[in-house]
Amino acid sequence: MTTSSPAFSDTAQIPRTQALPGAPGRLRLRTLIRLRWFAIAGQATAVYVVDFVLGFELPLVLCLLAIAASIVVNLSLLVAYPAAKLLSDRQASYYLAFDISQLAVLLYLTGGVENPFTILFLAPVTISAATLNVRHTIMLGALACALVSVLAVYHFPLPWRADDSLRLPATYLLGLWTALLLGIGFTAAFAWRVAVEGRRMSDALAAAQLVLAHEQQLTALGGLAAAAAHELGTPLATIQLVANELKRDLPENSPYAEDIELINSQAIRCRDILGQLTMRQDAEDAVYSRQSLRHLMDEIIEQYAGTSVEIAVHSDGEGPEPEIWRQPEIIHGLGCFLQNAGDFAHSQVLALLSWSPTTITISFYDDGPGFTPDILSRLGEPYVTTRPRVTTRSRSSKNRDRQGRADEGLGLGFFIAKTLLEHTGGVVVYGNANQLSLTPSKPSKYEHICGAVVSVSWPRHLIESSKTGAQRAAVDEQKGAAEE
Protein backbone atom coordinates (compact mmCIF):
# COMPACT_ATOMS: atom_id res chain seq x y z
CA MET A 1 0.00 0.00 0.00
CA THR A 2 1.46 3.30 -1.11
CA THR A 3 0.38 6.90 -0.56
CA SER A 4 2.04 10.24 -1.04
CA SER A 5 2.10 13.30 1.16
CA PRO A 6 3.75 16.71 0.96
CA ALA A 7 6.53 17.41 3.38
CA PHE A 8 8.53 19.93 5.28
CA SER A 9 7.25 23.44 5.63
CA ASP A 10 9.57 26.14 6.86
CA THR A 11 7.85 26.23 10.22
CA ALA A 12 8.00 22.53 10.95
CA GLN A 13 11.16 22.27 12.89
CA ILE A 14 12.43 19.83 15.43
CA PRO A 15 13.10 21.75 18.66
CA ARG A 16 16.58 23.18 18.61
CA THR A 17 19.09 22.06 21.16
CA GLN A 18 22.29 23.73 22.16
CA ALA A 19 25.32 22.00 23.59
CA LEU A 20 25.95 22.88 27.14
CA PRO A 21 28.92 25.24 27.17
CA GLY A 22 32.01 24.03 29.00
CA ALA A 23 32.02 26.08 32.14
CA PRO A 24 35.40 27.61 33.12
CA GLY A 25 35.63 26.17 36.63
CA ARG A 26 36.19 22.47 36.07
CA LEU A 27 39.13 22.12 38.48
CA ARG A 28 38.59 22.36 42.24
CA LEU A 29 41.16 23.87 44.55
CA ARG A 30 40.83 20.80 46.77
CA THR A 31 42.06 18.62 43.92
CA LEU A 32 45.23 20.67 43.35
CA ILE A 33 45.95 20.86 47.09
CA ARG A 34 45.66 17.10 47.48
CA LEU A 35 47.86 16.44 44.46
CA ARG A 36 50.44 18.86 45.82
CA TRP A 37 50.43 17.08 49.21
CA PHE A 38 51.11 13.81 47.37
CA ALA A 39 53.95 15.51 45.49
CA ILE A 40 55.40 16.94 48.74
CA ALA A 41 55.27 13.52 50.38
CA GLY A 42 56.94 11.91 47.37
CA GLN A 43 59.67 14.56 47.15
CA ALA A 44 60.43 14.38 50.87
CA THR A 45 60.59 10.58 50.72
CA ALA A 46 62.93 10.67 47.70
CA VAL A 47 65.27 13.17 49.41
CA TYR A 48 65.33 11.08 52.60
CA VAL A 49 66.06 7.82 50.76
CA VAL A 50 68.80 9.34 48.57
CA ASP A 51 70.56 11.17 51.42
CA PHE A 52 70.08 8.95 54.45
CA VAL A 53 69.49 5.47 53.01
CA LEU A 54 71.66 5.43 49.88
CA GLY A 55 74.19 7.81 51.38
CA PHE A 56 74.46 10.07 48.30
CA GLU A 57 75.46 13.64 48.99
CA LEU A 58 72.72 16.19 48.39
CA PRO A 59 72.38 19.97 48.91
CA LEU A 60 69.93 18.97 51.64
CA VAL A 61 69.08 22.41 52.98
CA LEU A 62 68.27 23.81 49.53
CA CYS A 63 66.18 20.75 48.69
CA LEU A 64 64.22 21.09 51.93
CA LEU A 65 63.67 24.78 51.24
CA ALA A 66 62.20 23.94 47.81
CA ILE A 67 59.86 21.39 49.41
CA ALA A 68 58.97 23.86 52.17
CA ALA A 69 57.91 26.39 49.54
CA SER A 70 55.22 23.96 48.36
CA ILE A 71 54.09 23.40 51.95
CA VAL A 72 53.78 27.15 52.52
CA VAL A 73 51.76 27.62 49.32
CA ASN A 74 49.41 24.78 50.20
CA LEU A 75 48.81 26.04 53.73
CA SER A 76 48.27 29.58 52.43
CA LEU A 77 45.65 28.38 49.97
CA LEU A 78 43.86 26.40 52.69
CA VAL A 79 43.66 29.52 54.84
CA ALA A 80 42.75 31.96 52.07
CA TYR A 81 40.11 29.97 50.14
CA PRO A 82 37.52 27.27 50.81
CA ALA A 83 38.70 23.88 49.61
CA ALA A 84 35.61 23.47 47.40
CA LYS A 85 36.43 26.62 45.39
CA LEU A 86 36.24 26.16 41.63
CA LEU A 87 39.31 27.66 40.03
CA SER A 88 39.18 29.69 36.85
CA ASP A 89 41.48 28.55 34.06
CA ARG A 90 43.84 31.43 34.79
CA GLN A 91 44.06 30.66 38.53
CA ALA A 92 44.58 26.96 37.92
CA SER A 93 47.30 27.69 35.37
CA TYR A 94 49.14 29.89 37.91
CA TYR A 95 49.11 27.12 40.51
CA LEU A 96 50.25 24.50 37.99
CA ALA A 97 52.99 26.87 36.80
CA PHE A 98 54.21 27.06 40.39
CA ASP A 99 54.28 23.25 40.60
CA ILE A 100 56.32 23.05 37.38
CA SER A 101 58.75 25.71 38.62
CA GLN A 102 59.13 24.10 42.06
CA LEU A 103 59.84 20.73 40.45
CA ALA A 104 62.41 22.38 38.16
CA VAL A 105 64.22 23.92 41.17
CA LEU A 106 64.33 20.56 42.94
CA LEU A 107 65.63 18.83 39.80
CA TYR A 108 68.21 21.60 39.29
CA LEU A 109 69.60 20.73 42.73
CA THR A 110 69.63 16.98 42.02
CA GLY A 111 71.10 16.40 38.58
CA GLY A 112 68.84 18.11 36.01
CA VAL A 113 67.70 15.91 33.13
CA GLU A 114 70.05 13.19 34.37
CA ASN A 115 67.62 12.69 37.26
CA PRO A 116 65.05 10.03 36.30
CA PHE A 117 62.32 11.98 38.15
CA THR A 118 62.22 14.52 35.31
CA ILE A 119 59.34 12.38 34.01
CA LEU A 120 57.19 14.14 36.64
CA PHE A 121 57.05 17.21 34.37
CA LEU A 122 54.32 15.32 32.51
CA ALA A 123 51.92 15.42 35.49
CA PRO A 124 50.98 19.14 35.68
CA VAL A 125 50.90 19.50 31.90
CA THR A 126 48.56 16.50 31.60
CA ILE A 127 46.27 17.92 34.30
CA SER A 128 46.13 21.19 32.41
CA ALA A 129 45.35 19.47 29.11
CA ALA A 130 42.50 17.51 30.69
CA THR A 131 40.86 20.42 32.52
CA LEU A 132 41.97 23.80 31.15
CA ASN A 133 41.61 25.47 27.78
CA VAL A 134 44.12 25.14 24.96
CA ARG A 135 45.77 28.52 25.47
CA HIS A 136 46.72 27.87 29.10
CA THR A 137 47.80 24.32 28.30
CA ILE A 138 50.14 25.56 25.55
CA MET A 139 51.62 28.12 27.95
CA LEU A 140 52.24 25.51 30.64
CA GLY A 141 53.67 23.06 28.10
CA ALA A 142 56.01 25.77 26.79
CA LEU A 143 57.11 26.57 30.35
CA ALA A 144 57.84 22.88 31.04
CA CYS A 145 59.78 22.50 27.79
CA ALA A 146 61.80 25.65 28.48
CA LEU A 147 62.72 24.50 31.99
CA VAL A 148 63.66 21.03 30.73
CA SER A 149 65.93 22.69 28.16
CA VAL A 150 67.59 24.79 30.90
CA LEU A 151 68.03 21.72 33.10
CA ALA A 152 69.73 19.89 30.23
CA VAL A 153 72.57 22.44 30.43
CA TYR A 154 72.58 23.94 33.92
CA HIS A 155 72.22 21.81 37.04
CA PHE A 156 74.01 20.48 40.09
CA PRO A 157 75.80 17.14 39.63
CA LEU A 158 73.64 14.06 39.89
CA PRO A 159 73.95 12.64 43.47
CA TRP A 160 76.26 9.64 43.36
CA ARG A 161 78.92 7.82 45.37
CA ALA A 162 81.87 10.01 46.28
CA ASP A 163 84.41 7.37 45.22
CA ASP A 164 82.77 6.71 41.85
CA SER A 165 82.15 9.44 39.30
CA LEU A 166 79.18 9.12 36.91
CA ARG A 167 79.32 10.91 33.56
CA LEU A 168 76.57 10.22 31.04
CA PRO A 169 77.39 10.51 27.30
CA ALA A 170 76.28 13.73 25.61
CA THR A 171 74.35 11.73 23.01
CA TYR A 172 72.38 9.97 25.74
CA LEU A 173 71.59 13.30 27.43
CA LEU A 174 70.40 14.68 24.10
CA GLY A 175 68.13 11.67 23.77
CA LEU A 176 66.74 12.23 27.25
CA TRP A 177 66.02 15.86 26.48
CA THR A 178 64.33 15.00 23.19
CA ALA A 179 62.24 12.24 24.79
CA LEU A 180 61.07 14.61 27.52
CA LEU A 181 60.00 17.27 25.05
CA LEU A 182 58.18 14.77 22.86
CA GLY A 183 56.58 13.16 25.90
CA ILE A 184 55.26 16.50 27.16
CA GLY A 185 53.85 17.41 23.76
CA PHE A 186 52.30 14.04 22.95
CA THR A 187 50.84 13.42 26.41
CA ALA A 188 49.31 16.90 26.54
CA ALA A 189 47.80 16.56 23.06
CA PHE A 190 46.40 13.10 23.81
CA ALA A 191 44.91 14.14 27.18
CA TRP A 192 43.38 17.27 25.65
CA ARG A 193 41.78 15.33 22.81
CA VAL A 194 40.30 12.68 25.11
CA ALA A 195 38.96 15.36 27.46
CA VAL A 196 37.36 17.31 24.61
CA GLU A 197 35.67 14.17 23.26
CA GLY A 198 34.40 13.32 26.74
CA ARG A 199 32.98 16.81 27.27
CA ARG A 200 31.34 16.80 23.86
CA MET A 201 29.72 13.45 24.51
CA SER A 202 28.45 14.64 27.91
CA ASP A 203 27.04 17.82 26.36
CA ALA A 204 25.39 15.87 23.56
CA LEU A 205 23.79 13.39 25.95
CA ALA A 206 22.54 16.30 28.06
CA ALA A 207 21.01 17.83 24.93
CA ALA A 208 19.35 14.49 24.11
CA GLN A 209 17.86 14.39 27.61
CA LEU A 210 16.50 17.93 27.13
CA VAL A 211 14.84 16.92 23.86
CA LEU A 212 13.30 13.84 25.46
CA ALA A 213 12.03 15.92 28.39
CA HIS A 214 10.48 18.34 25.91
CA GLU A 215 8.68 15.52 24.10
CA GLN A 216 7.46 14.04 27.39
CA GLN A 217 6.09 17.42 28.43
CA LEU A 218 4.14 17.64 25.19
CA THR A 219 2.73 14.17 25.82
CA ALA A 220 1.68 15.19 29.33
CA LEU A 221 -0.30 18.20 28.06
CA GLY A 222 -3.30 15.97 27.38
CA GLY A 223 -3.50 15.00 31.04
CA LEU A 224 -3.15 18.60 32.12
CA ALA A 225 -5.97 19.60 29.75
CA ALA A 226 -8.26 16.97 31.26
CA ALA A 227 -7.44 18.15 34.78
CA ALA A 228 -8.19 21.74 33.75
CA ALA A 229 -11.53 20.61 32.31
CA HIS A 230 -12.53 19.08 35.64
CA GLU A 231 -11.44 22.18 37.55
CA LEU A 232 -13.36 24.56 35.24
CA GLY A 233 -16.56 22.55 35.46
CA THR A 234 -17.64 24.02 38.81
CA PRO A 235 -17.29 27.75 37.98
CA LEU A 236 -19.04 27.20 34.62
CA ALA A 237 -21.95 25.50 36.37
CA THR A 238 -22.17 28.46 38.75
CA ILE A 239 -22.21 30.94 35.84
CA GLN A 240 -24.97 28.97 34.13
CA LEU A 241 -27.04 28.80 37.34
CA VAL A 242 -26.77 32.55 37.98
CA ALA A 243 -27.60 33.32 34.34
CA ASN A 244 -30.76 31.19 34.53
CA GLU A 245 -31.86 32.91 37.74
CA LEU A 246 -31.27 36.37 36.23
CA LYS A 247 -33.20 35.36 33.11
CA ARG A 248 -36.12 34.16 35.25
CA ASP A 249 -36.22 37.41 37.30
CA LEU A 250 -35.99 39.80 34.33
CA PRO A 251 -39.16 41.35 32.83
CA GLU A 252 -40.28 39.96 29.50
CA ASN A 253 -39.18 42.98 27.47
CA SER A 254 -35.95 43.66 29.37
CA PRO A 255 -33.07 44.95 27.17
CA TYR A 256 -30.73 42.63 29.10
CA ALA A 257 -32.56 39.44 28.16
CA GLU A 258 -30.49 38.81 25.05
CA ASP A 259 -27.24 39.36 26.96
CA ILE A 260 -28.28 36.93 29.67
CA GLU A 261 -29.26 34.38 27.03
CA LEU A 262 -25.88 34.84 25.33
CA ILE A 263 -24.03 34.26 28.63
CA ASN A 264 -26.10 31.15 29.30
CA SER A 265 -25.56 29.71 25.81
CA GLN A 266 -21.80 30.34 25.92
CA ALA A 267 -21.54 28.72 29.35
CA ILE A 268 -23.37 25.67 27.98
CA ARG A 269 -21.01 25.63 24.97
CA CYS A 270 -17.93 25.78 27.23
CA ARG A 271 -19.35 22.95 29.33
CA ASP A 272 -19.88 20.80 26.23
CA ILE A 273 -16.35 21.52 24.97
CA LEU A 274 -14.85 20.60 28.32
CA GLY A 275 -16.98 17.47 28.43
CA GLN A 276 -15.69 16.40 25.01
CA LEU A 277 -12.14 17.17 26.10
CA THR A 278 -12.50 14.97 29.17
CA MET A 279 -14.05 12.15 27.13
CA ARG A 280 -11.32 12.48 24.52
CA GLN A 281 -8.63 12.20 27.20
CA ASP A 282 -10.32 9.09 28.61
CA ALA A 283 -10.38 7.61 25.13
CA GLU A 284 -6.76 8.55 24.55
CA ASP A 285 -5.74 6.56 27.60
CA ALA A 286 -6.71 3.48 25.61
CA VAL A 287 -6.46 4.69 22.01
CA TYR A 288 -3.92 7.45 21.69
CA SER A 289 -1.16 5.53 23.47
CA ARG A 290 -1.44 2.86 20.75
CA GLN A 291 -1.30 3.42 17.03
CA SER A 292 -0.62 1.51 13.86
CA LEU A 293 2.59 2.02 11.94
CA ARG A 294 0.70 3.95 9.27
CA HIS A 295 -0.95 6.26 11.83
CA LEU A 296 2.44 6.80 13.41
CA MET A 297 3.91 7.85 10.08
CA ASP A 298 0.90 10.08 9.34
CA GLU A 299 1.43 11.85 12.66
CA ILE A 300 5.13 12.38 11.97
CA ILE A 301 4.44 13.68 8.47
CA GLU A 302 1.74 16.01 9.81
CA GLN A 303 4.11 17.32 12.47
CA TYR A 304 6.91 18.07 10.01
CA ALA A 305 4.91 18.51 6.78
CA GLY A 306 4.91 21.23 4.12
CA THR A 307 4.84 21.39 0.33
CA SER A 308 8.42 21.36 -0.96
CA VAL A 309 9.07 17.60 -1.11
CA GLU A 310 6.70 14.72 -1.80
CA ILE A 311 6.64 11.85 0.70
CA ALA A 312 5.60 8.41 -0.51
CA VAL A 313 4.60 5.94 2.21
CA HIS A 314 4.72 2.24 1.33
CA SER A 315 3.64 -0.56 3.68
CA ASP A 316 4.79 -4.13 3.23
CA GLY A 317 4.69 -6.91 5.81
CA GLU A 318 3.61 -10.38 6.81
CA GLY A 319 0.12 -10.48 8.30
CA PRO A 320 -1.94 -7.57 9.64
CA GLU A 321 -0.24 -4.25 10.31
CA PRO A 322 1.02 -4.16 13.91
CA GLU A 323 0.05 -1.56 16.49
CA ILE A 324 2.83 -0.07 18.58
CA TRP A 325 3.08 1.97 21.73
CA ARG A 326 3.20 5.72 21.08
CA GLN A 327 6.56 6.81 22.50
CA PRO A 328 7.99 10.36 22.33
CA GLU A 329 11.45 8.96 21.61
CA ILE A 330 10.21 7.19 18.49
CA ILE A 331 8.22 10.19 17.22
CA HIS A 332 11.07 12.64 17.67
CA GLY A 333 13.77 10.31 16.36
CA LEU A 334 11.87 9.30 13.22
CA GLY A 335 10.77 12.90 12.72
CA CYS A 336 14.40 14.03 12.73
CA PHE A 337 15.40 11.37 10.17
CA LEU A 338 12.41 12.23 7.97
CA GLN A 339 13.18 15.93 8.14
CA ASN A 340 16.84 15.34 7.24
CA ALA A 341 15.74 13.25 4.26
CA GLY A 342 13.38 16.04 3.12
CA ASP A 343 16.08 18.69 3.51
CA PHE A 344 18.44 16.86 1.15
CA ALA A 345 15.96 15.29 -1.28
CA HIS A 346 15.54 16.80 -4.73
CA SER A 347 11.85 16.03 -5.04
CA GLN A 348 10.81 12.82 -3.25
CA VAL A 349 11.23 10.83 -0.03
CA LEU A 350 10.12 7.23 0.47
CA ALA A 351 9.03 6.04 3.92
CA LEU A 352 9.03 2.24 3.82
CA LEU A 353 7.12 0.49 6.64
CA SER A 354 7.75 -3.24 6.94
CA TRP A 355 7.23 -5.95 9.50
CA SER A 356 7.79 -9.64 10.00
CA PRO A 357 6.83 -12.02 12.82
CA THR A 358 9.95 -10.91 14.76
CA THR A 359 10.88 -7.39 13.64
CA ILE A 360 9.41 -3.99 12.74
CA THR A 361 11.41 -1.77 10.38
CA ILE A 362 10.96 1.83 9.22
CA SER A 363 13.26 3.11 6.48
CA PHE A 364 13.63 6.52 4.84
CA TYR A 365 15.02 6.88 1.30
CA ASP A 366 15.63 10.20 -0.44
CA ASP A 367 16.58 11.08 -4.01
CA GLY A 368 19.29 13.52 -2.92
CA PRO A 369 23.07 13.30 -3.33
CA GLY A 370 23.54 10.80 -0.48
CA PHE A 371 26.16 10.79 2.25
CA THR A 372 29.74 11.72 1.40
CA PRO A 373 32.39 9.16 2.48
CA ASP A 374 33.97 11.46 5.07
CA ILE A 375 30.59 12.20 6.70
CA LEU A 376 29.42 8.58 6.52
CA SER A 377 32.45 7.34 8.48
CA ARG A 378 31.65 9.70 11.39
CA LEU A 379 27.84 10.00 11.20
CA GLY A 380 26.13 9.21 14.48
CA GLU A 381 28.77 10.99 16.55
CA PRO A 382 27.88 14.31 18.20
CA TYR A 383 28.84 17.52 16.40
CA VAL A 384 29.01 15.87 12.99
CA THR A 385 26.64 17.68 10.62
CA THR A 386 25.70 16.79 7.06
CA ARG A 387 24.29 20.22 6.27
CA PRO A 388 26.29 22.26 3.74
CA ARG A 389 27.13 25.88 4.37
CA VAL A 390 25.05 28.26 2.28
CA THR A 391 25.70 31.98 2.21
CA THR A 392 22.88 34.13 3.50
CA ARG A 393 22.86 36.33 0.39
CA SER A 394 22.06 33.39 -1.84
CA ARG A 395 18.91 32.41 0.02
CA SER A 396 15.42 33.59 -0.69
CA SER A 397 13.67 35.40 2.12
CA LYS A 398 11.29 32.46 2.51
CA ASN A 399 14.05 29.95 3.14
CA ARG A 400 16.52 32.19 4.97
CA ASP A 401 15.27 31.40 8.46
CA ARG A 402 15.06 27.67 7.91
CA GLN A 403 18.43 27.28 6.21
CA GLY A 404 20.04 29.72 8.60
CA ARG A 405 19.03 27.61 11.53
CA ALA A 406 20.39 24.54 9.77
CA ASP A 407 23.72 26.24 9.16
CA GLU A 408 23.95 27.23 12.79
CA GLY A 409 23.24 23.68 13.96
CA LEU A 410 25.81 21.84 16.02
CA GLY A 411 25.42 18.48 14.28
CA LEU A 412 23.43 17.11 17.22
CA GLY A 413 20.17 16.26 15.40
CA PHE A 414 21.21 12.91 13.96
CA PHE A 415 23.04 11.96 17.16
CA ILE A 416 20.03 12.80 19.35
CA ALA A 417 17.63 10.92 17.08
CA LYS A 418 19.91 7.87 17.00
CA THR A 419 20.36 7.94 20.78
CA LEU A 420 16.61 8.22 21.46
CA LEU A 421 15.72 5.41 19.06
CA GLU A 422 18.41 3.12 20.46
CA HIS A 423 16.98 3.90 23.91
CA THR A 424 13.74 2.21 22.76
CA GLY A 425 15.64 -0.87 21.59
CA GLY A 426 15.97 0.11 17.94
CA VAL A 427 18.98 -0.57 15.72
CA VAL A 428 19.85 2.31 13.39
CA VAL A 429 21.52 1.57 10.03
CA TYR A 430 22.44 4.26 7.51
CA GLY A 431 24.29 4.61 4.24
CA ASN A 432 23.71 5.23 0.55
CA ALA A 433 20.97 3.29 -1.24
CA ASN A 434 23.30 2.04 -3.99
CA GLN A 435 25.77 0.66 -1.44
CA LEU A 436 23.55 -0.55 1.42
CA SER A 437 21.46 -3.70 1.12
CA LEU A 438 18.39 -3.70 3.37
CA THR A 439 15.66 -6.28 3.94
CA PRO A 440 13.04 -5.80 2.68
CA SER A 441 14.29 -3.81 -0.31
CA LYS A 442 12.30 -0.88 -1.68
CA PRO A 443 9.70 -1.61 -4.38
CA SER A 444 10.89 -1.52 -8.00
CA LYS A 445 8.85 1.58 -8.85
CA TYR A 446 10.98 3.53 -6.38
CA GLU A 447 14.33 2.43 -7.78
CA HIS A 448 14.98 6.01 -8.89
CA ILE A 449 15.16 7.05 -5.21
CA CYS A 450 18.80 6.14 -4.69
CA GLY A 451 20.27 8.80 -2.39
CA ALA A 452 20.75 8.39 1.35
CA VAL A 453 18.89 5.79 3.39
CA VAL A 454 18.33 5.55 7.15
CA SER A 455 16.64 2.47 8.58
CA VAL A 456 15.50 1.65 12.12
CA SER A 457 14.60 -1.91 13.19
CA TRP A 458 13.12 -3.08 16.49
CA PRO A 459 12.46 -6.53 17.88
CA ARG A 460 8.70 -6.70 17.53
CA HIS A 461 7.98 -7.51 21.16
CA LEU A 462 9.70 -4.32 22.40
CA ILE A 463 7.38 -1.78 20.79
CA GLU A 464 4.29 -3.72 19.70
CA SER A 465 1.05 -3.20 21.62
CA SER A 466 -1.00 -6.42 21.73
CA LYS A 467 -4.70 -6.23 22.64
CA THR A 468 -7.44 -8.80 23.10
CA GLY A 469 -10.72 -8.55 21.24
CA ALA A 470 -12.54 -7.37 24.35
CA GLN A 471 -10.01 -4.62 24.92
CA ARG A 472 -10.29 -3.54 21.28
CA ALA A 473 -14.10 -3.41 21.55
CA ALA A 474 -13.90 -1.31 24.71
CA VAL A 475 -11.51 1.08 23.01
CA ASP A 476 -13.79 1.39 19.96
CA GLU A 477 -16.76 2.07 22.23
CA GLN A 478 -14.88 4.81 24.10
CA LYS A 479 -13.69 6.33 20.83
CA GLY A 480 -17.25 6.40 19.45
CA ALA A 481 -18.58 8.03 22.61
CA ALA A 482 -15.90 10.69 22.41
CA GLU A 483 -16.76 11.48 18.77
CA GLU A 484 -20.47 11.83 19.61
Foldseek 3Di string as FASTA:
>chain_A
DKDKAFFFALPQDQDAFDFDDDDQQPDFQLVLLVVLVVVLVVLVVVLCCLCPVVPFDFPVVQLVVLSVVSVVVSVVCVVPDPRRDGDGLVVLLVSLLSVLVSVLSNCQRAAQLVDPVLLCLQVSLLVCLQRHDPVSSVVSLVSNLVSSVVSLPHGDHHTDDPVDDDDDDNVVSVVSSVVSNVSNVVSSVVNNVVNVQVSLVVRLVVRLVVSQVVLVVVVCVLVVLLVVLVVVLVVLVVQLVVLVVVLVPDDPPDPCNVVSVVSNVVSVVSNVVSVLSNLVSVLCVQVVQKDFPVVLVVVLRVSRGDHQAMEMEEEEEDDDTFIWGDHSLQSLLVSLVQNVQVVFAPHYKYWYWYDYPWKTKTKIFGQGAAADPVLVVVQLRWQRDPQDDDDLVPDDPSCNVSSVVSNPGRRSSNNSSCVSLVVLVKDKDKGWQVVDDDPPHDDPVCPSRTHIMIMIMHTCVSTTDDDDPVSVVVSVVSVVVSVD
